[in-house]
Amino acid sequence: MQNATYDPKTCINLPCLCRQAFQHYVAQDAFFLKAFAQAYALALSQTQVPEERSTLQALLNGVDAELDLHKGYAKVTVLSPTASTNYTQQIWS
């Protein structure tokens, strides 16, 4: 299965979901969510404008909620944190 054609919403509904493909998706998504969380937290620390702080905090809360969902997936699918780290480090090398 090639990543360019992988649609997790479709794949999740299939009775024969490829566990590796789903784990790959979760690991990749968690990596990007963590990067967004870091960026939002940095921006939040740099602004004093109430509207901006409110918006950034809402975005950060949304990312945190999504990461919690991924932690649940990791438990159910036995997603190894090491596998996720190895995968994301490979992207940046």
C-alpha atoms as a PDB file:
ATOM      1  CA  MET A   1       0.000   0.000   0.000  1.00  0.00           C
ATOM      2  CA  GLN A   2       1.477   3.359  -0.987  1.00  0.00           C
ATOM      3  CA  ASN A   3       1.196   6.326   1.353  1.00  0.00           C
ATOM      4  CA  ALA A   4      -0.087   8.613  -1.406  1.00  0.00           C
ATOM      5  CA  THR A   5      -3.239   6.524  -1.768  1.00  0.00           C
ATOM      6  CA  TYR A   6      -3.689   5.673   1.914  1.00  0.00           C
ATOM      7  CA  ASP A   7      -6.923   7.067   3.302  1.00  0.00           C
ATOM      8  CA  PRO A   8      -7.179   6.254   7.026  1.00  0.00           C
ATOM      9  CA  LYS A   9     -10.925   6.979   7.139  1.00  0.00           C
ATOM     10  CA  THR A  10     -11.589   4.405   4.452  1.00  0.00           C
ATOM     11  CA  CYS A  11      -9.055   1.934   5.782  1.00  0.00           C
ATOM     12  CA  ILE A  12     -10.445   2.052   9.339  1.00  0.00           C
ATOM     13  CA  ASN A  13     -13.844   0.938   8.083  1.00  0.00           C
ATOM     14  CA  LEU A  14     -12.422  -2.103   6.319  1.00  0.00           C
ATOM     15  CA  PRO A  15     -12.747  -5.370   8.227  1.00  0.00           C
ATOM     16  CA  CYS A  16      -9.203  -6.314   7.231  1.00  0.00           C
ATOM     17  CA  LEU A  17      -7.507  -3.097   8.340  1.00  0.00           C
ATOM     18  CA  CYS A  18      -3.804  -3.405   7.902  1.00  0.00           C
ATOM     19  CA  ARG A  19      -2.453  -2.815  11.412  1.00  0.00           C
ATOM     20  CA  GLN A  20       0.904  -1.632  10.080  1.00  0.00           C
ATOM     21  CA  ALA A  21      -0.711   0.998   7.870  1.00  0.00           C
ATOM     22  CA  PHE A  22      -2.800   2.316  10.741  1.00  0.00           C
ATOM     23  CA  GLN A  23       0.187   2.377  13.096  1.00  0.00           C
ATOM     24  CA  HIS A  24       2.156   4.222  10.441  1.00  0.00           C
ATOM     25  CA  TYR A  25      -0.599   6.827  10.138  1.00  0.00           C
ATOM     26  CA  VAL A  26      -0.893   7.293  13.916  1.00  0.00           C
ATOM     27  CA  ALA A  27       2.873   7.664  14.362  1.00  0.00           C
ATOM     28  CA  GLN A  28       3.149  10.175  11.542  1.00  0.00           C
ATOM     29  CA  ASP A  29       0.158  12.195  12.710  1.00  0.00           C
ATOM     30  CA  ALA A  30       1.359  12.264  16.333  1.00  0.00           C
ATOM     31  CA  PHE A  31       4.722  13.596  15.204  1.00  0.00           C
ATOM     32  CA  PHE A  32       3.136  16.488  13.332  1.00  0.00           C
ATOM     33  CA  LEU A  33       0.689  17.179  16.164  1.00  0.00           C
ATOM     34  CA  LYS A  34       3.604  17.488  18.594  1.00  0.00           C
ATOM     35  CA  ALA A  35       5.278  19.969  16.248  1.00  0.00           C
ATOM     36  CA  PHE A  36       2.072  22.034  16.077  1.00  0.00           C
ATOM     37  CA  ALA A  37       1.793  21.937  19.878  1.00  0.00           C
ATOM     38  CA  GLN A  38       5.331  23.277  20.217  1.00  0.00           C
ATOM     39  CA  ALA A  39       4.660  26.042  17.706  1.00  0.00           C
ATOM     40  CA  TYR A  40       1.372  27.064  19.352  1.00  0.00           C
ATOM     41  CA  ALA A  41       2.985  27.049  22.811  1.00  0.00           C
ATOM     42  CA  LEU A  42       5.844  29.218  21.565  1.00  0.00           C
ATOM     43  CA  ALA A  43       3.449  31.680  19.907  1.00  0.00           C
ATOM     44  CA  LEU A  44       1.328  31.738  23.072  1.00  0.00           C
ATOM     45  CA  SER A  45       4.363  32.642  25.150  1.00  0.00           C
ATOM     46  CA  GLN A  46       5.191  35.522  22.787  1.00  0.00           C
ATOM     47  CA  THR A  47       1.878  37.366  22.592  1.00  0.00           C
ATOM     48  CA  GLN A  48       0.056  39.552  25.055  1.00  0.00           C
ATOM     49  CA  VAL A  49      -2.980  40.199  22.815  1.00  0.00           C
ATOM     50  CA  PRO A  50      -5.997  38.585  24.548  1.00  0.00           C
ATOM     51  CA  GLU A  51      -7.696  37.465  21.314  1.00  0.00           C
ATOM     52  CA  GLU A  52      -4.495  35.860  20.045  1.00  0.00           C
ATOM     53  CA  ARG A  53      -3.878  34.161  23.388  1.00  0.00           C
ATOM     54  CA  SER A  54      -7.425  32.784  23.386  1.00  0.00           C
ATOM     55  CA  THR A  55      -7.137  31.472  19.831  1.00  0.00           C
ATOM     56  CA  LEU A  56      -3.726  29.910  20.416  1.00  0.00           C
ATOM     57  CA  GLN A  57      -4.893  28.289  23.659  1.00  0.00           C
ATOM     58  CA  ALA A  58      -7.906  26.802  21.843  1.00  0.00           C
ATOM     59  CA  LEU A  59      -5.621  25.436  19.123  1.00  0.00           C
ATOM     60  CA  LEU A  60      -3.260  23.989  21.728  1.00  0.00           C
ATOM     61  CA  ASN A  61      -6.183  22.371  23.564  1.00  0.00           C
ATOM     62  CA  GLY A  62      -7.363  20.811  20.297  1.00  0.00           C
ATOM     63  CA  VAL A  63      -3.927  19.361  19.599  1.00  0.00           C
ATOM     64  CA  ASP A  64      -3.731  17.991  23.145  1.00  0.00           C
ATOM     65  CA  ALA A  65      -7.119  16.308  22.727  1.00  0.00           C
ATOM     66  CA  GLU A  66      -6.012  14.768  19.427  1.00  0.00           C
ATOM     67  CA  LEU A  67      -2.784  13.506  20.995  1.00  0.00           C
ATOM     68  CA  ASP A  68      -4.837  11.896  23.793  1.00  0.00           C
ATOM     69  CA  LEU A  69      -6.851  10.124  21.112  1.00  0.00           C
ATOM     70  CA  HIS A  70      -3.625   8.869  19.555  1.00  0.00           C
ATOM     71  CA  LYS A  71      -2.444   7.586  22.935  1.00  0.00           C
ATOM     72  CA  GLY A  72      -5.638   5.533  23.054  1.00  0.00           C
ATOM     73  CA  TYR A  73      -4.954   4.165  19.586  1.00  0.00           C
ATOM     74  CA  ALA A  74      -1.427   3.285  20.672  1.00  0.00           C
ATOM     75  CA  LYS A  75      -2.775   1.210  23.556  1.00  0.00           C
ATOM     76  CA  VAL A  76      -5.367  -0.587  21.432  1.00  0.00           C
ATOM     77  CA  THR A  77      -3.064  -1.309  18.491  1.00  0.00           C
ATOM     78  CA  VAL A  78       0.012  -1.908  20.632  1.00  0.00           C
ATOM     79  CA  LEU A  79       1.814   0.932  18.909  1.00  0.00           C
ATOM     80  CA  SER A  80       5.344   1.054  20.184  1.00  0.00           C
ATOM     81  CA  PRO A  81       6.593   4.537  21.148  1.00  0.00           C
ATOM     82  CA  THR A  82      10.007   3.435  19.917  1.00  0.00           C
ATOM     83  CA  ALA A  83       8.591   2.564  16.519  1.00  0.00           C
ATOM     84  CA  SER A  84       6.993   6.016  16.331  1.00  0.00           C
ATOM     85  CA  THR A  85      10.231   7.725  17.299  1.00  0.00           C
ATOM     86  CA  ASN A  86      12.257   5.691  14.831  1.00  0.00           C
ATOM     87  CA  TYR A  87       9.809   6.519  12.072  1.00  0.00           C
ATOM     88  CA  THR A  88       9.753  10.254  12.747  1.00  0.00           C
ATOM     89  CA  GLN A  89      13.537  10.446  13.096  1.00  0.00           C
ATOM     90  CA  GLN A  90      13.816   8.754   9.723  1.00  0.00           C
ATOM     91  CA  ILE A  91      11.684  11.503   8.146  1.00  0.00           C
ATOM     92  CA  TRP A  92      14.085  14.217   9.268  1.00  0.00           C
ATOM     93  CA  SER A  93      17.335  12.456   8.437  1.00  0.00           C
END
